[in-house]
N, C-alpha and C. Protein backbone atom coordinates (compact mmCIF):
# COMPACT_ATOMS: atom_id res chain seq x y z
N MET A 1 -25.25 -5.16 -44.90
CA MET A 1 -23.93 -4.65 -44.56
C MET A 1 -23.96 -3.91 -43.22
N ASN A 2 -25.09 -3.26 -42.93
CA ASN A 2 -25.20 -2.54 -41.67
C ASN A 2 -25.04 -3.47 -40.48
N SER A 3 -25.58 -4.67 -40.57
CA SER A 3 -25.50 -5.59 -39.44
C SER A 3 -24.06 -6.01 -39.15
N PHE A 4 -23.21 -6.01 -40.18
CA PHE A 4 -21.80 -6.36 -39.98
C PHE A 4 -21.14 -5.36 -39.03
N TRP A 5 -21.32 -4.05 -39.29
CA TRP A 5 -20.70 -3.02 -38.47
C TRP A 5 -21.38 -2.85 -37.12
N GLU A 6 -22.59 -3.35 -36.99
CA GLU A 6 -23.29 -3.28 -35.72
C GLU A 6 -22.92 -4.43 -34.79
N ASN A 7 -22.24 -5.43 -35.31
CA ASN A 7 -21.79 -6.56 -34.51
C ASN A 7 -20.78 -6.06 -33.48
N GLU A 8 -21.00 -6.42 -32.22
CA GLU A 8 -20.16 -5.94 -31.12
C GLU A 8 -18.69 -6.33 -31.30
N ILE A 9 -18.44 -7.54 -31.75
CA ILE A 9 -17.06 -8.01 -31.94
C ILE A 9 -16.37 -7.20 -33.03
N VAL A 10 -17.06 -6.94 -34.10
CA VAL A 10 -16.49 -6.15 -35.21
C VAL A 10 -16.21 -4.72 -34.75
N ARG A 11 -17.18 -4.15 -34.01
CA ARG A 11 -17.00 -2.77 -33.53
C ARG A 11 -15.82 -2.65 -32.56
N VAL A 12 -15.67 -3.60 -31.66
CA VAL A 12 -14.54 -3.59 -30.73
C VAL A 12 -13.22 -3.73 -31.49
N ALA A 13 -13.18 -4.65 -32.45
CA ALA A 13 -11.96 -4.85 -33.24
C ALA A 13 -11.63 -3.59 -34.05
N ALA A 14 -12.64 -2.94 -34.61
CA ALA A 14 -12.42 -1.72 -35.38
C ALA A 14 -11.90 -0.60 -34.48
N ASN A 15 -12.53 -0.40 -33.34
CA ASN A 15 -12.08 0.64 -32.40
C ASN A 15 -10.65 0.37 -31.94
N PHE A 16 -10.37 -0.88 -31.60
CA PHE A 16 -9.03 -1.26 -31.16
C PHE A 16 -8.01 -1.00 -32.25
N SER A 17 -8.30 -1.45 -33.46
CA SER A 17 -7.36 -1.29 -34.57
C SER A 17 -7.07 0.17 -34.86
N VAL A 18 -8.12 0.97 -34.88
CA VAL A 18 -7.95 2.40 -35.15
C VAL A 18 -7.16 3.07 -34.03
N ALA A 19 -7.48 2.75 -32.79
CA ALA A 19 -6.78 3.35 -31.66
C ALA A 19 -5.30 2.99 -31.67
N VAL A 20 -4.97 1.73 -31.94
CA VAL A 20 -3.57 1.32 -31.98
C VAL A 20 -2.84 2.03 -33.12
N LEU A 21 -3.46 2.10 -34.28
CA LEU A 21 -2.86 2.80 -35.41
C LEU A 21 -2.64 4.27 -35.08
N CYS A 22 -3.61 4.90 -34.46
CA CYS A 22 -3.47 6.31 -34.08
C CYS A 22 -2.36 6.50 -33.04
N ILE A 23 -2.25 5.60 -32.09
CA ILE A 23 -1.18 5.69 -31.10
C ILE A 23 0.17 5.65 -31.80
N ILE A 24 0.34 4.74 -32.75
CA ILE A 24 1.60 4.63 -33.48
C ILE A 24 1.89 5.92 -34.25
N VAL A 25 0.89 6.43 -34.97
CA VAL A 25 1.08 7.66 -35.74
C VAL A 25 1.37 8.84 -34.82
N PHE A 26 0.62 8.96 -33.73
CA PHE A 26 0.80 10.10 -32.83
C PHE A 26 2.14 10.03 -32.10
N LEU A 27 2.60 8.82 -31.77
CA LEU A 27 3.94 8.70 -31.18
C LEU A 27 5.01 9.12 -32.18
N ALA A 28 4.79 8.82 -33.45
CA ALA A 28 5.73 9.26 -34.49
C ALA A 28 5.76 10.78 -34.56
N VAL A 29 4.60 11.42 -34.41
CA VAL A 29 4.56 12.88 -34.40
C VAL A 29 5.32 13.42 -33.20
N PHE A 30 5.11 12.83 -32.02
CA PHE A 30 5.86 13.25 -30.84
C PHE A 30 7.35 13.06 -31.06
N GLU A 31 7.74 11.99 -31.73
CA GLU A 31 9.16 11.73 -32.01
C GLU A 31 9.74 12.85 -32.89
N LEU A 32 8.93 13.38 -33.78
CA LEU A 32 9.39 14.46 -34.65
C LEU A 32 9.58 15.78 -33.89
N VAL A 33 8.78 16.01 -32.87
CA VAL A 33 8.87 17.30 -32.16
C VAL A 33 9.80 17.26 -30.95
N THR A 34 10.32 16.11 -30.60
CA THR A 34 11.30 16.04 -29.51
C THR A 34 12.70 15.91 -30.09
N ARG A 35 13.68 16.34 -29.32
CA ARG A 35 15.05 16.33 -29.82
C ARG A 35 15.72 14.97 -29.68
N TYR A 36 15.12 14.07 -28.95
CA TYR A 36 15.70 12.75 -28.73
C TYR A 36 14.91 11.69 -29.48
N LYS A 37 15.53 10.54 -29.66
CA LYS A 37 14.87 9.40 -30.29
C LYS A 37 14.34 8.50 -29.17
N ASN A 38 13.01 8.49 -29.01
CA ASN A 38 12.38 7.79 -27.89
C ASN A 38 12.88 6.36 -27.71
N TRP A 39 12.78 5.56 -28.75
CA TRP A 39 13.02 4.13 -28.61
C TRP A 39 14.51 3.83 -28.44
N GLU A 40 15.38 4.64 -29.03
CA GLU A 40 16.82 4.46 -28.79
C GLU A 40 17.16 4.78 -27.34
N GLU A 41 16.61 5.87 -26.82
CA GLU A 41 16.87 6.25 -25.43
C GLU A 41 16.31 5.22 -24.46
N ILE A 42 15.12 4.70 -24.74
CA ILE A 42 14.53 3.67 -23.88
C ILE A 42 15.39 2.41 -23.92
N GLN A 43 15.84 2.04 -25.11
CA GLN A 43 16.70 0.86 -25.25
C GLN A 43 18.00 1.03 -24.45
N ASN A 44 18.47 2.28 -24.36
CA ASN A 44 19.70 2.56 -23.60
C ASN A 44 19.45 2.74 -22.10
N GLY A 45 18.21 2.57 -21.67
CA GLY A 45 17.90 2.61 -20.25
C GLY A 45 17.54 3.98 -19.71
N ASN A 46 17.19 4.92 -20.56
CA ASN A 46 16.83 6.26 -20.11
C ASN A 46 15.41 6.22 -19.52
N VAL A 47 15.35 6.24 -18.20
CA VAL A 47 14.08 6.12 -17.49
C VAL A 47 13.21 7.36 -17.69
N ALA A 48 13.83 8.54 -17.76
CA ALA A 48 13.07 9.77 -17.97
C ALA A 48 12.31 9.73 -19.30
N VAL A 49 12.97 9.26 -20.34
CA VAL A 49 12.31 9.13 -21.65
C VAL A 49 11.21 8.08 -21.57
N ALA A 50 11.48 6.99 -20.88
CA ALA A 50 10.46 5.93 -20.74
C ALA A 50 9.23 6.47 -20.02
N MET A 51 9.42 7.26 -18.97
CA MET A 51 8.28 7.83 -18.24
C MET A 51 7.51 8.81 -19.12
N ALA A 52 8.23 9.70 -19.81
CA ALA A 52 7.57 10.69 -20.67
C ALA A 52 6.82 9.99 -21.81
N THR A 53 7.44 8.99 -22.42
CA THR A 53 6.80 8.26 -23.51
C THR A 53 5.62 7.45 -23.00
N GLY A 54 5.78 6.81 -21.85
CA GLY A 54 4.67 6.08 -21.25
C GLY A 54 3.49 6.99 -20.94
N GLY A 55 3.77 8.20 -20.48
CA GLY A 55 2.71 9.17 -20.23
C GLY A 55 1.99 9.56 -21.50
N LYS A 56 2.75 9.69 -22.58
CA LYS A 56 2.13 10.02 -23.87
C LYS A 56 1.25 8.87 -24.35
N ILE A 57 1.74 7.64 -24.21
CA ILE A 57 0.95 6.48 -24.63
C ILE A 57 -0.33 6.40 -23.79
N PHE A 58 -0.20 6.55 -22.48
CA PHE A 58 -1.37 6.53 -21.62
C PHE A 58 -2.32 7.66 -21.99
N GLY A 59 -1.78 8.85 -22.20
CA GLY A 59 -2.60 10.01 -22.52
C GLY A 59 -3.39 9.82 -23.80
N ILE A 60 -2.72 9.37 -24.85
CA ILE A 60 -3.39 9.14 -26.13
C ILE A 60 -4.45 8.05 -25.98
N SER A 61 -4.09 6.96 -25.29
CA SER A 61 -5.04 5.87 -25.09
C SER A 61 -6.26 6.33 -24.30
N ASN A 62 -6.02 7.13 -23.29
CA ASN A 62 -7.12 7.62 -22.46
C ASN A 62 -8.05 8.54 -23.25
N ILE A 63 -7.48 9.38 -24.09
CA ILE A 63 -8.30 10.24 -24.95
C ILE A 63 -9.18 9.38 -25.85
N PHE A 64 -8.60 8.32 -26.42
CA PHE A 64 -9.40 7.43 -27.28
C PHE A 64 -10.43 6.65 -26.47
N ARG A 65 -10.14 6.36 -25.22
CA ARG A 65 -11.13 5.69 -24.38
C ARG A 65 -12.38 6.56 -24.27
N TYR A 66 -12.17 7.85 -23.99
CA TYR A 66 -13.30 8.77 -23.91
C TYR A 66 -13.98 8.91 -25.27
N SER A 67 -13.19 8.99 -26.31
CA SER A 67 -13.75 9.16 -27.65
C SER A 67 -14.61 7.95 -28.04
N ILE A 68 -14.14 6.76 -27.73
CA ILE A 68 -14.90 5.55 -28.04
C ILE A 68 -16.18 5.50 -27.22
N SER A 69 -16.09 5.84 -25.94
CA SER A 69 -17.26 5.70 -25.08
C SER A 69 -18.34 6.75 -25.35
N HIS A 70 -17.98 7.87 -25.95
CA HIS A 70 -18.96 8.95 -26.14
C HIS A 70 -19.41 9.15 -27.58
N HIS A 71 -18.86 8.37 -28.52
CA HIS A 71 -19.24 8.56 -29.91
C HIS A 71 -19.55 7.21 -30.55
N ASP A 72 -20.65 7.16 -31.25
CA ASP A 72 -21.12 5.90 -31.81
C ASP A 72 -20.42 5.49 -33.10
N SER A 73 -20.09 6.44 -33.95
CA SER A 73 -19.51 6.07 -35.24
C SER A 73 -17.99 6.06 -35.17
N LEU A 74 -17.40 5.24 -36.01
CA LEU A 74 -15.94 5.13 -36.08
C LEU A 74 -15.33 6.45 -36.55
N VAL A 75 -15.99 7.11 -37.48
CA VAL A 75 -15.49 8.39 -38.00
C VAL A 75 -15.49 9.46 -36.91
N ALA A 76 -16.55 9.53 -36.13
CA ALA A 76 -16.62 10.50 -35.03
C ALA A 76 -15.56 10.18 -33.98
N MET A 77 -15.38 8.92 -33.69
CA MET A 77 -14.37 8.51 -32.71
C MET A 77 -12.99 8.94 -33.17
N ILE A 78 -12.67 8.71 -34.43
CA ILE A 78 -11.36 9.10 -34.97
C ILE A 78 -11.20 10.62 -34.93
N GLY A 79 -12.23 11.33 -35.38
CA GLY A 79 -12.16 12.79 -35.41
C GLY A 79 -11.92 13.40 -34.05
N TRP A 80 -12.69 12.95 -33.06
CA TRP A 80 -12.52 13.47 -31.70
C TRP A 80 -11.19 13.02 -31.09
N GLY A 81 -10.75 11.82 -31.44
CA GLY A 81 -9.44 11.36 -30.96
C GLY A 81 -8.31 12.20 -31.51
N ILE A 82 -8.40 12.54 -32.79
CA ILE A 82 -7.38 13.40 -33.40
C ILE A 82 -7.41 14.79 -32.76
N TYR A 83 -8.60 15.31 -32.55
CA TYR A 83 -8.73 16.62 -31.90
C TYR A 83 -8.12 16.57 -30.49
N GLY A 84 -8.40 15.51 -29.76
CA GLY A 84 -7.82 15.37 -28.42
C GLY A 84 -6.32 15.28 -28.46
N PHE A 85 -5.77 14.56 -29.46
CA PHE A 85 -4.32 14.48 -29.60
C PHE A 85 -3.72 15.85 -29.89
N ILE A 86 -4.36 16.62 -30.74
CA ILE A 86 -3.86 17.97 -31.05
C ILE A 86 -3.81 18.82 -29.78
N LEU A 87 -4.83 18.68 -28.94
CA LEU A 87 -4.82 19.41 -27.67
C LEU A 87 -3.69 18.94 -26.77
N LEU A 88 -3.43 17.63 -26.74
CA LEU A 88 -2.35 17.09 -25.94
C LEU A 88 -1.00 17.57 -26.47
N LEU A 89 -0.84 17.63 -27.77
CA LEU A 89 0.38 18.13 -28.39
C LEU A 89 0.56 19.62 -28.07
N LEU A 90 -0.52 20.37 -28.12
CA LEU A 90 -0.47 21.78 -27.76
C LEU A 90 -0.03 21.95 -26.31
N ALA A 91 -0.52 21.09 -25.44
CA ALA A 91 -0.13 21.14 -24.03
C ALA A 91 1.37 20.89 -23.87
N TYR A 92 1.92 20.01 -24.70
CA TYR A 92 3.37 19.74 -24.67
C TYR A 92 4.14 21.02 -24.98
N PHE A 93 3.71 21.75 -26.01
CA PHE A 93 4.40 22.99 -26.38
C PHE A 93 4.22 24.07 -25.32
N ILE A 94 3.05 24.12 -24.68
CA ILE A 94 2.83 25.08 -23.60
C ILE A 94 3.74 24.75 -22.42
N TYR A 95 3.86 23.48 -22.08
CA TYR A 95 4.75 23.03 -21.00
C TYR A 95 6.18 23.46 -21.29
N GLU A 96 6.63 23.27 -22.52
CA GLU A 96 7.97 23.67 -22.91
C GLU A 96 8.13 25.19 -22.78
N PHE A 97 7.11 25.94 -23.20
CA PHE A 97 7.15 27.40 -23.15
C PHE A 97 7.17 27.92 -21.72
N LEU A 98 6.43 27.25 -20.83
CA LEU A 98 6.31 27.73 -19.45
C LEU A 98 7.50 27.37 -18.56
N THR A 99 8.48 26.69 -19.11
CA THR A 99 9.69 26.36 -18.35
C THR A 99 10.91 26.95 -19.05
N PRO A 100 11.03 28.29 -19.04
CA PRO A 100 12.13 28.92 -19.77
C PRO A 100 13.51 28.74 -19.10
N LYS A 101 13.55 28.32 -17.84
CA LYS A 101 14.84 28.18 -17.17
C LYS A 101 15.62 26.97 -17.64
N PHE A 102 14.94 26.00 -18.20
CA PHE A 102 15.62 24.83 -18.75
C PHE A 102 14.81 24.25 -19.89
N ASN A 103 15.48 23.50 -20.73
CA ASN A 103 14.84 22.88 -21.89
C ASN A 103 14.34 21.49 -21.51
N ILE A 104 13.04 21.28 -21.61
CA ILE A 104 12.42 20.01 -21.20
C ILE A 104 13.05 18.84 -21.94
N ASP A 105 13.11 18.93 -23.27
CA ASP A 105 13.67 17.83 -24.06
C ASP A 105 15.10 17.52 -23.67
N HIS A 106 15.88 18.55 -23.45
CA HIS A 106 17.29 18.35 -23.08
C HIS A 106 17.40 17.64 -21.73
N GLU A 107 16.56 18.05 -20.78
CA GLU A 107 16.59 17.44 -19.45
C GLU A 107 16.14 15.98 -19.50
N ILE A 108 15.12 15.69 -20.28
CA ILE A 108 14.65 14.31 -20.40
C ILE A 108 15.71 13.47 -21.10
N GLU A 109 16.34 14.03 -22.12
CA GLU A 109 17.41 13.31 -22.83
C GLU A 109 18.56 12.99 -21.89
N LYS A 110 18.82 13.87 -20.91
CA LYS A 110 19.89 13.64 -19.92
C LYS A 110 19.44 12.69 -18.81
N ASP A 111 18.27 12.13 -18.91
CA ASP A 111 17.69 11.21 -17.93
C ASP A 111 17.36 11.90 -16.61
N ASN A 112 16.91 13.15 -16.69
CA ASN A 112 16.42 13.85 -15.51
C ASN A 112 15.04 13.28 -15.20
N ARG A 113 15.00 12.36 -14.25
CA ARG A 113 13.77 11.62 -13.97
C ARG A 113 12.67 12.49 -13.37
N ALA A 114 13.05 13.55 -12.69
CA ALA A 114 12.03 14.46 -12.15
C ALA A 114 11.27 15.12 -13.29
N VAL A 115 11.98 15.56 -14.31
CA VAL A 115 11.33 16.19 -15.47
C VAL A 115 10.53 15.14 -16.25
N GLY A 116 11.08 13.93 -16.40
CA GLY A 116 10.36 12.86 -17.07
C GLY A 116 9.07 12.51 -16.34
N PHE A 117 9.13 12.49 -15.00
CA PHE A 117 7.94 12.18 -14.21
C PHE A 117 6.88 13.26 -14.36
N ILE A 118 7.29 14.53 -14.28
CA ILE A 118 6.33 15.63 -14.44
C ILE A 118 5.72 15.59 -15.84
N SER A 119 6.53 15.28 -16.85
CA SER A 119 6.01 15.17 -18.21
C SER A 119 4.96 14.07 -18.29
N MET A 120 5.23 12.95 -17.65
CA MET A 120 4.29 11.84 -17.64
C MET A 120 2.98 12.25 -16.97
N VAL A 121 3.09 12.89 -15.82
CA VAL A 121 1.89 13.28 -15.07
C VAL A 121 1.08 14.32 -15.85
N ILE A 122 1.75 15.23 -16.51
CA ILE A 122 1.04 16.23 -17.32
C ILE A 122 0.26 15.54 -18.44
N SER A 123 0.90 14.61 -19.15
CA SER A 123 0.22 13.90 -20.23
C SER A 123 -0.97 13.10 -19.72
N VAL A 124 -0.77 12.39 -18.62
CA VAL A 124 -1.85 11.58 -18.05
C VAL A 124 -2.97 12.47 -17.52
N GLY A 125 -2.61 13.46 -16.73
CA GLY A 125 -3.63 14.33 -16.13
C GLY A 125 -4.44 15.08 -17.17
N LEU A 126 -3.77 15.67 -18.14
CA LEU A 126 -4.49 16.43 -19.16
C LEU A 126 -5.33 15.53 -20.06
N SER A 127 -4.94 14.27 -20.20
CA SER A 127 -5.76 13.37 -21.02
C SER A 127 -7.14 13.18 -20.41
N PHE A 128 -7.24 13.23 -19.08
CA PHE A 128 -8.56 13.13 -18.44
C PHE A 128 -9.37 14.40 -18.70
N VAL A 129 -8.72 15.55 -18.63
CA VAL A 129 -9.41 16.82 -18.88
C VAL A 129 -9.86 16.89 -20.34
N ILE A 130 -8.95 16.54 -21.25
CA ILE A 130 -9.28 16.54 -22.68
C ILE A 130 -10.39 15.55 -22.96
N GLY A 131 -10.24 14.34 -22.41
CA GLY A 131 -11.24 13.30 -22.66
C GLY A 131 -12.62 13.70 -22.19
N GLU A 132 -12.70 14.29 -21.04
CA GLU A 132 -14.00 14.73 -20.53
C GLU A 132 -14.57 15.85 -21.39
N GLY A 133 -13.69 16.65 -21.95
CA GLY A 133 -14.14 17.76 -22.79
C GLY A 133 -14.63 17.35 -24.16
N ILE A 134 -14.21 16.21 -24.65
CA ILE A 134 -14.58 15.83 -26.02
C ILE A 134 -15.86 15.01 -26.08
N GLN A 135 -16.54 14.87 -24.97
CA GLN A 135 -17.79 14.09 -25.02
C GLN A 135 -18.95 14.84 -25.51
């Protein structure tokens, strides 16, 4: 049975499957903490939401890239990926807290592309910092 999990094709498929599942679950968590419905807003052409959501997808994927490359077992990869996501979620709340002059979610919902872009860059940039830290 050990040789099955040591097969490169099986390991890649397992890592891919887990990462995709985690991205879906983590996006659902982000959907719960934002005031707007991501996919409805994207369907309606809200570019700010698309940029912020794309940044979250990139950020989560990048964290899992680091987690996969630095951990041999699937369980360790999942654990560190979840930890990285929690840090990324925490960064979202800090970003919201540090901008008391306006509400981030409200601005993104209004299609304020500058706020959507900054949100995207924060998610992408911090995913590199988080990823490097979880190795």
